[in-house]
PDB file of all heavy atoms in Angstrom:
ATOM      1  N   TYR A   1     103.151  69.024   9.369  1.00  0.00           N
ATOM      2  CA  TYR A   1     101.972  68.681   8.595  1.00  0.00           C
ATOM      3  C   TYR A   1     100.714  68.944   9.414  1.00  0.00           C
ATOM      4  O   TYR A   1     100.741  68.933  10.645  1.00  0.00           O
ATOM      5  CB  TYR A   1     101.994  67.204   8.195  1.00  0.00           C
ATOM      6  CG  TYR A   1     103.239  66.798   7.446  1.00  0.00           C
ATOM      7  CD1 TYR A   1     104.349  66.296   8.119  1.00  0.00           C
ATOM      8  CD2 TYR A   1     103.312  66.932   6.064  1.00  0.00           C
ATOM      9  CE1 TYR A   1     105.489  65.933   7.435  1.00  0.00           C
ATOM     10  CE2 TYR A   1     104.454  66.571   5.373  1.00  0.00           C
ATOM     11  CZ  TYR A   1     105.543  66.067   6.062  1.00  0.00           C
ATOM     12  OH  TYR A   1     106.678  65.714   5.372  1.00  0.00           O
ATOM     13  N   LEU A   2      99.628  69.153   8.711  1.00  0.00           N
ATOM     14  CA  LEU A   2      98.320  69.248   9.335  1.00  0.00           C
ATOM     15  C   LEU A   2      97.364  68.371   8.538  1.00  0.00           C
ATOM     16  O   LEU A   2      96.976  68.729   7.425  1.00  0.00           O
ATOM     17  CB  LEU A   2      97.820  70.697   9.377  1.00  0.00           C
ATOM     18  CG  LEU A   2      96.523  70.919  10.149  1.00  0.00           C
ATOM     19  CD1 LEU A   2      96.729  70.651  11.636  1.00  0.00           C
ATOM     20  CD2 LEU A   2      96.005  72.340   9.937  1.00  0.00           C
ATOM     21  N   GLN A   3      97.019  67.221   9.103  1.00  0.00           N
ATOM     22  CA  GLN A   3      96.045  66.323   8.502  1.00  0.00           C
ATOM     23  C   GLN A   3      94.659  66.799   8.905  1.00  0.00           C
ATOM     24  O   GLN A   3      94.339  66.842  10.095  1.00  0.00           O
ATOM     25  CB  GLN A   3      96.274  64.892   8.979  1.00  0.00           C
ATOM     26  CG  GLN A   3      95.200  63.897   8.551  1.00  0.00           C
ATOM     27  CD  GLN A   3      95.234  63.593   7.081  1.00  0.00           C
ATOM     28  OE1 GLN A   3      96.270  63.191   6.550  1.00  0.00           O
ATOM     29  NE2 GLN A   3      94.112  63.779   6.401  1.00  0.00           N
ATOM     30  N   MET A   4      93.833  67.152   7.935  1.00  0.00           N
ATOM     31  CA  MET A   4      92.510  67.700   8.186  1.00  0.00           C
ATOM     32  C   MET A   4      91.467  66.732   7.645  1.00  0.00           C
ATOM     33  O   MET A   4      91.383  66.522   6.428  1.00  0.00           O
ATOM     34  CB  MET A   4      92.352  69.077   7.542  1.00  0.00           C
ATOM     35  CG  MET A   4      93.424  70.069   7.972  1.00  0.00           C
ATOM     36  SD  MET A   4      93.123  71.740   7.336  1.00  0.00           S
ATOM     37  CE  MET A   4      93.294  71.432   5.573  1.00  0.00           C
ATOM     38  N   ASN A   5      90.680  66.145   8.540  1.00  0.00           N
ATOM     39  CA  ASN A   5      89.626  65.212   8.168  1.00  0.00           C
ATOM     40  C   ASN A   5      88.262  65.807   8.466  1.00  0.00           C
ATOM     41  O   ASN A   5      88.130  66.754   9.237  1.00  0.00           O
ATOM     42  CB  ASN A   5      89.782  63.896   8.938  1.00  0.00           C
ATOM     43  CG  ASN A   5      91.063  63.169   8.620  1.00  0.00           C
ATOM     44  OD1 ASN A   5      91.555  63.209   7.499  1.00  0.00           O
ATOM     45  ND2 ASN A   5      91.601  62.471   9.619  1.00  0.00           N
ATOM     46  N   SER A   6      87.235  65.226   7.865  1.00  0.00           N
ATOM     47  CA  SER A   6      85.848  65.651   8.098  1.00  0.00           C
ATOM     48  C   SER A   6      85.704  67.161   7.989  1.00  0.00           C
ATOM     49  O   SER A   6      85.107  67.815   8.852  1.00  0.00           O
ATOM     50  CB  SER A   6      85.378  65.164   9.474  1.00  0.00           C
ATOM     51  OG  SER A   6      85.454  63.761   9.576  1.00  0.00           O
ATOM     52  N   LEU A   7      86.227  67.718   6.924  1.00  0.00           N
ATOM     53  CA  LEU A   7      86.233  69.169   6.759  1.00  0.00           C
ATOM     54  C   LEU A   7      84.820  69.726   6.655  1.00  0.00           C
ATOM     55  O   LEU A   7      83.922  69.099   6.081  1.00  0.00           O
ATOM     56  CB  LEU A   7      87.050  69.550   5.530  1.00  0.00           C
ATOM     57  CG  LEU A   7      88.565  69.486   5.746  1.00  0.00           C
ATOM     58  CD1 LEU A   7      89.302  69.433   4.420  1.00  0.00           C
ATOM     59  CD2 LEU A   7      89.023  70.691   6.570  1.00  0.00           C
ATOM     60  N   LYS A   8      84.640  70.907   7.223  1.00  0.00           N
ATOM     61  CA  LYS A   8      83.368  71.618   7.243  1.00  0.00           C
ATOM     62  C   LYS A   8      83.518  72.952   6.527  1.00  0.00           C
ATOM     63  O   LYS A   8      84.622  73.485   6.435  1.00  0.00           O
ATOM     64  CB  LYS A   8      82.924  71.875   8.690  1.00  0.00           C
ATOM     65  CG  LYS A   8      82.849  70.645   9.563  1.00  0.00           C
ATOM     66  CD  LYS A   8      82.547  71.033  11.004  1.00  0.00           C
ATOM     67  CE  LYS A   8      82.472  69.819  11.901  1.00  0.00           C
ATOM     68  NZ  LYS A   8      82.205  70.198  13.317  1.00  0.00           N
ATOM     69  N   PRO A   9      82.417  73.530   6.050  1.00  0.00           N
ATOM     70  CA  PRO A   9      82.512  74.864   5.439  1.00  0.00           C
ATOM     71  C   PRO A   9      83.151  75.889   6.374  1.00  0.00           C
ATOM     72  O   PRO A   9      83.849  76.794   5.901  1.00  0.00           O
ATOM     73  CB  PRO A   9      81.049  75.214   5.141  1.00  0.00           C
ATOM     74  CG  PRO A   9      80.410  73.893   4.889  1.00  0.00           C
ATOM     75  CD  PRO A   9      81.064  72.954   5.876  1.00  0.00           C
ATOM     76  N   GLY A  10      82.950  75.753   7.680  1.00  0.00           N
ATOM     77  CA  GLY A  10      83.548  76.660   8.646  1.00  0.00           C
ATOM     78  C   GLY A  10      85.061  76.573   8.735  1.00  0.00           C
ATOM     79  O   GLY A  10      85.691  77.438   9.350  1.00  0.00           O
ATOM     80  N   ASP A  11      85.660  75.542   8.140  1.00  0.00           N
ATOM     81  CA  ASP A  11      87.112  75.423   8.091  1.00  0.00           C
ATOM     82  C   ASP A  11      87.724  76.233   6.955  1.00  0.00           C
ATOM     83  O   ASP A  11      88.951  76.325   6.856  1.00  0.00           O
ATOM     84  CB  ASP A  11      87.529  73.961   7.938  1.00  0.00           C
ATOM     85  CG  ASP A  11      87.115  73.099   9.121  1.00  0.00           C
ATOM     86  OD1 ASP A  11      87.280  73.555  10.270  1.00  0.00           O
ATOM     87  OD2 ASP A  11      86.632  71.970   8.887  1.00  0.00           O
ATOM     88  N   THR A  12      86.903  76.786   6.084  1.00  0.00           N
ATOM     89  CA  THR A  12      87.396  77.598   4.971  1.00  0.00           C
ATOM     90  C   THR A  12      88.187  78.784   5.501  1.00  0.00           C
ATOM     91  O   THR A  12      87.683  79.564   6.311  1.00  0.00           O
ATOM     92  CB  THR A  12      86.238  78.084   4.098  1.00  0.00           C
ATOM     93  OG1 THR A  12      85.599  76.953   3.487  1.00  0.00           O
ATOM     94  CG2 THR A  12      86.727  79.027   3.016  1.00  0.00           C
ATOM     95  N   ALA A  13      89.430  78.917   5.061  1.00  0.00           N
ATOM     96  CA  ALA A  13      90.310  79.978   5.542  1.00  0.00           C
ATOM     97  C   ALA A  13      91.641  79.879   4.819  1.00  0.00           C
ATOM     98  O   ALA A  13      91.918  78.901   4.125  1.00  0.00           O
ATOM     99  CB  ALA A  13      90.539  79.852   7.054  1.00  0.00           C
ATOM    100  N   VAL A  14      92.477  80.897   5.010  1.00  0.00           N
ATOM    101  CA  VAL A  14      93.881  80.796   4.649  1.00  0.00           C
ATOM    102  C   VAL A  14      94.614  80.227   5.857  1.00  0.00           C
ATOM    103  O   VAL A  14      94.483  80.751   6.966  1.00  0.00           O
ATOM    104  CB  VAL A  14      94.477  82.158   4.252  1.00  0.00           C
ATOM    105  CG1 VAL A  14      95.969  82.023   3.961  1.00  0.00           C
ATOM    106  CG2 VAL A  14      93.751  82.713   3.033  1.00  0.00           C
ATOM    107  N   TYR A  15      95.366  79.175   5.645  1.00  0.00           N
ATOM    108  CA  TYR A  15      96.085  78.505   6.722  1.00  0.00           C
ATOM    109  C   TYR A  15      97.558  78.887   6.679  1.00  0.00           C
ATOM    110  O   TYR A  15      98.201  78.837   5.627  1.00  0.00           O
ATOM    111  CB  TYR A  15      95.928  76.988   6.615  1.00  0.00           C
ATOM    112  CG  TYR A  15      94.584  76.508   7.093  1.00  0.00           C
ATOM    113  CD1 TYR A  15      93.436  76.753   6.339  1.00  0.00           C
ATOM    114  CD2 TYR A  15      94.440  75.834   8.301  1.00  0.00           C
ATOM    115  CE1 TYR A  15      92.193  76.341   6.780  1.00  0.00           C
ATOM    116  CE2 TYR A  15      93.203  75.416   8.744  1.00  0.00           C
ATOM    117  CZ  TYR A  15      92.076  75.669   7.982  1.00  0.00           C
ATOM    118  OH  TYR A  15      90.842  75.252   8.426  1.00  0.00           O
ATOM    119  N   TYR A  16      98.100  79.259   7.839  1.00  0.00           N
ATOM    120  CA  TYR A  16      99.480  79.691   7.980  1.00  0.00           C
ATOM    121  C   TYR A  16     100.221  78.806   8.976  1.00  0.00           C
ATOM    122  O   TYR A  16      99.647  78.384   9.974  1.00  0.00           O
ATOM    123  CB  TYR A  16      99.557  81.129   8.511  1.00  0.00           C
ATOM    124  CG  TYR A  16      98.872  82.173   7.674  1.00  0.00           C
ATOM    125  CD1 TYR A  16      97.525  82.450   7.847  1.00  0.00           C
ATOM    126  CD2 TYR A  16      99.587  82.895   6.727  1.00  0.00           C
ATOM    127  CE1 TYR A  16      96.893  83.423   7.090  1.00  0.00           C
ATOM    128  CE2 TYR A  16      98.966  83.873   5.966  1.00  0.00           C
ATOM    129  CZ  TYR A  16      97.618  84.132   6.155  1.00  0.00           C
ATOM    130  OH  TYR A  16      97.003  85.103   5.401  1.00  0.00           O
ATOM    131  N   CYS A  17     101.497  78.561   8.727  1.00  0.00           N
ATOM    132  CA  CYS A  17     102.341  77.991   9.763  1.00  0.00           C
ATOM    133  C   CYS A  17     103.269  79.077  10.289  1.00  0.00           C
ATOM    134  O   CYS A  17     103.560  80.064   9.603  1.00  0.00           O
ATOM    135  CB  CYS A  17     103.137  76.781   9.263  1.00  0.00           C
ATOM    136  SG  CYS A  17     104.341  77.111   7.966  1.00  0.00           S
ATOM    137  N   ALA A  18     103.705  78.917  11.521  1.00  0.00           N
ATOM    138  CA  ALA A  18     104.532  79.918  12.178  1.00  0.00           C
ATOM    139  C   ALA A  18     105.493  79.235  13.142  1.00  0.00           C
ATOM    140  O   ALA A  18     105.213  78.145  13.642  1.00  0.00           O
ATOM    141  CB  ALA A  18     103.658  80.929  12.930  1.00  0.00           C
ATOM    142  N   ALA A  19     106.620  79.894  13.409  1.00  0.00           N
ATOM    143  CA  ALA A  19     107.643  79.369  14.302  1.00  0.00           C
ATOM    144  C   ALA A  19     107.988  80.398  15.369  1.00  0.00           C
ATOM    145  O   ALA A  19     108.108  81.587  15.075  1.00  0.00           O
ATOM    146  CB  ALA A  19     108.895  78.992  13.520  1.00  0.00           C
ATOM    147  N   ALA A  20     108.151  79.935  16.595  1.00  0.00           N
ATOM    148  CA  ALA A  20     108.480  80.802  17.725  1.00  0.00           C
ATOM    149  C   ALA A  20     109.680  80.258  18.476  1.00  0.00           C
ATOM    150  O   ALA A  20     109.751  79.055  18.751  1.00  0.00           O
ATOM    151  CB  ALA A  20     107.289  80.924  18.672  1.00  0.00           C
ATOM    152  N   ASN A  21     110.615  81.141  18.817  1.00  0.00           N
ATOM    153  CA  ASN A  21     111.783  80.755  19.598  1.00  0.00           C
ATOM    154  C   ASN A  21     111.406  80.747  21.078  1.00  0.00           C
ATOM    155  O   ASN A  21     111.889  81.545  21.876  1.00  0.00           O
ATOM    156  CB  ASN A  21     112.946  81.712  19.334  1.00  0.00           C
ATOM    157  CG  ASN A  21     114.257  81.224  19.928  1.00  0.00           C
ATOM    158  OD1 ASN A  21     114.367  80.076  20.352  1.00  0.00           O
ATOM    159  ND2 ASN A  21     115.248  82.092  19.967  1.00  0.00           N
ATOM    160  N   GLU A  22     110.498  79.843  21.412  1.00  0.00           N
ATOM    161  CA  GLU A  22     109.983  79.672  22.760  1.00  0.00           C
ATOM    162  C   GLU A  22     109.882  78.195  23.058  1.00  0.00           C
ATOM    163  O   GLU A  22     109.698  77.384  22.153  1.00  0.00           O
ATOM    164  CB  GLU A  22     108.603  80.322  22.920  1.00  0.00           C
ATOM    165  CG  GLU A  22     108.546  81.803  22.604  1.00  0.00           C
ATOM    166  CD  GLU A  22     109.132  82.657  23.700  1.00  0.00           C
ATOM    167  OE1 GLU A  22     109.362  82.121  24.807  1.00  0.00           O
ATOM    168  OE2 GLU A  22     109.358  83.857  23.460  1.00  0.00           O
ATOM    169  N   ARG A  23     109.973  77.833  24.330  1.00  0.00           N
ATOM    170  CA  ARG A  23     109.856  76.430  24.708  1.00  0.00           C
ATOM    171  C   ARG A  23     108.418  75.937  24.639  1.00  0.00           C
ATOM    172  O   ARG A  23     108.173  74.770  24.306  1.00  0.00           O
ATOM    173  CB  ARG A  23     110.393  76.217  26.122  1.00  0.00           C
ATOM    174  CG  ARG A  23     111.879  76.448  26.265  1.00  0.00           C
ATOM    175  CD  ARG A  23     112.328  76.324  27.720  1.00  0.00           C
ATOM    176  NE  ARG A  23     111.999  75.026  28.296  1.00  0.00           N
ATOM    177  CZ  ARG A  23     111.092  74.832  29.243  1.00  0.00           C
ATOM    178  NH1 ARG A  23     110.413  75.859  29.738  1.00  0.00           N
ATOM    179  NH2 ARG A  23     110.866  73.610  29.709  1.00  0.00           N
ATOM    180  N   LEU A  24     107.467  76.810  24.950  1.00  0.00           N
ATOM    181  CA  LEU A  24     106.055  76.465  24.989  1.00  0.00           C
ATOM    182  C   LEU A  24     105.283  77.284  23.974  1.00  0.00           C
ATOM    183  O   LEU A  24     105.760  78.314  23.494  1.00  0.00           O
ATOM    184  CB  LEU A  24     105.488  76.697  26.388  1.00  0.00           C
ATOM    185  CG  LEU A  24     106.192  75.979  27.534  1.00  0.00           C
ATOM    186  CD1 LEU A  24     105.575  76.383  28.864  1.00  0.00           C
ATOM    187  CD2 LEU A  24     106.118  74.468  27.353  1.00  0.00           C
ATOM    188  N   CYS A  25     104.070  76.852  23.643  1.00  0.00           N
ATOM    189  CA  CYS A  25     103.248  77.550  22.668  1.00  0.00           C
ATOM    190  C   CYS A  25     102.885  78.943  23.177  1.00  0.00           C
ATOM    191  O   CYS A  25     102.232  79.073  24.213  1.00  0.00           O
ATOM    192  CB  CYS A  25     101.983  76.758  22.381  1.00  0.00           C
ATOM    193  SG  CYS A  25     102.278  75.150  21.617  1.00  0.00           S
ATOM    194  N   PRO A  26     103.285  79.995  22.458  1.00  0.00           N
ATOM    195  CA  PRO A  26     103.017  81.372  22.884  1.00  0.00           C
ATOM    196  C   PRO A  26     101.762  81.943  22.244  1.00  0.00           C
ATOM    197  O   PRO A  26     101.060  81.270  21.491  1.00  0.00           O
ATOM    198  CB  PRO A  26     104.262  82.114  22.396  1.00  0.00           C
ATOM    199  CG  PRO A  26     104.556  81.434  21.085  1.00  0.00           C
ATOM    200  CD  PRO A  26     104.156  79.983  21.270  1.00  0.00           C
ATOM    201  N   GLN A  27     101.493  83.219  22.540  1.00  0.00           N
ATOM    202  CA  GLN A  27     100.413  83.940  21.881  1.00  0.00           C
ATOM    203  C   GLN A  27     100.790  84.213  20.428  1.00  0.00           C
ATOM    204  O   GLN A  27     101.968  84.206  20.068  1.00  0.00           O
ATOM    205  CB  GLN A  27     100.123  85.257  22.605  1.00  0.00           C
ATOM    206  CG  GLN A  27      99.667  85.093  24.039  1.00  0.00           C
ATOM    207  CD  GLN A  27      98.341  84.374  24.133  1.00  0.00           C
ATOM    208  OE1 GLN A  27      97.383  84.713  23.438  1.00  0.00           O
ATOM    209  NE2 GLN A  27      98.279  83.363  24.990  1.00  0.00           N
ATOM    210  N   ARG A  28      99.775  84.477  19.603  1.00  0.00           N
ATOM    211  CA  ARG A  28      99.995  84.683  18.181  1.00  0.00           C
ATOM    212  C   ARG A  28     101.046  85.747  17.899  1.00  0.00           C
ATOM    213  O   ARG A  28     101.924  85.550  17.038  1.00  0.00           O
ATOM    214  CB  ARG A  28      98.670  85.076  17.503  1.00  0.00           C
ATOM    215  CG  ARG A  28      98.771  85.294  16.009  1.00  0.00           C
ATOM    216  CD  ARG A  28      97.503  85.920  15.472  1.00  0.00           C
ATOM    217  NE  ARG A  28      97.283  87.242  16.044  1.00  0.00           N
ATOM    218  CZ  ARG A  28      96.246  88.013  15.771  1.00  0.00           C
ATOM    219  NH1 ARG A  28      95.319  87.609  14.927  1.00  0.00           N
ATOM    220  NH2 ARG A  28      96.121  89.195  16.346  1.00  0.00           N
ATOM    221  N   TYR A  29     101.001  86.843  18.607  1.00  0.00           N
ATOM    222  CA  TYR A  29     101.882  87.973  18.316  1.00  0.00           C
ATOM    223  C   TYR A  29     103.322  87.727  18.740  1.00  0.00           C
ATOM    224  O   TYR A  29     104.200  88.534  18.442  1.00  0.00           O
ATOM    225  CB  TYR A  29     101.356  89.255  18.978  1.00  0.00           C
ATOM    226  CG  TYR A  29     101.114  89.141  20.460  1.00  0.00           C
ATOM    227  CD1 TYR A  29     102.145  89.299  21.375  1.00  0.00           C
ATOM    228  CD2 TYR A  29      99.834  88.877  20.948  1.00  0.00           C
ATOM    229  CE1 TYR A  29     101.914  89.190  22.737  1.00  0.00           C
ATOM    230  CE2 TYR A  29      99.597  88.768  22.311  1.00  0.00           C
ATOM    231  CZ  TYR A  29     100.641  88.921  23.199  1.00  0.00           C
ATOM    232  OH  TYR A  29     100.412  88.813  24.551  1.00  0.00           O
ATOM    233  N   GLU A  30     103.582  86.626  19.427  1.00  0.00           N
ATOM    234  CA  GLU A  30     104.932  86.316  19.880  1.00  0.00           C
ATOM    235  C   GLU A  30     105.694  85.402  18.927  1.00  0.00           C
ATOM    236  O   GLU A  30     106.866  85.118  19.161  1.00  0.00           O
ATOM    237  CB  GLU A  30     104.887  85.694  21.276  1.00  0.00           C
ATOM    238  CG  GLU A  30     104.366  86.642  22.342  1.00  0.00           C
ATOM    239  CD  GLU A  30     104.278  86.000  23.708  1.00  0.00           C
ATOM    240  OE1 GLU A  30     103.410  85.125  23.904  1.00  0.00           O
ATOM    241  OE2 GLU A  30     105.093  86.365  24.587  1.00  0.00           O
TER     242      GLU A  30
END
């Protein structure tokens, strides 16, 4: 889940979730 509070116009976007077979948070392309 992503709880988004105090939203601003700059938050306007398409939001995606993604999964990586890595132990730590990798770069987007990984």
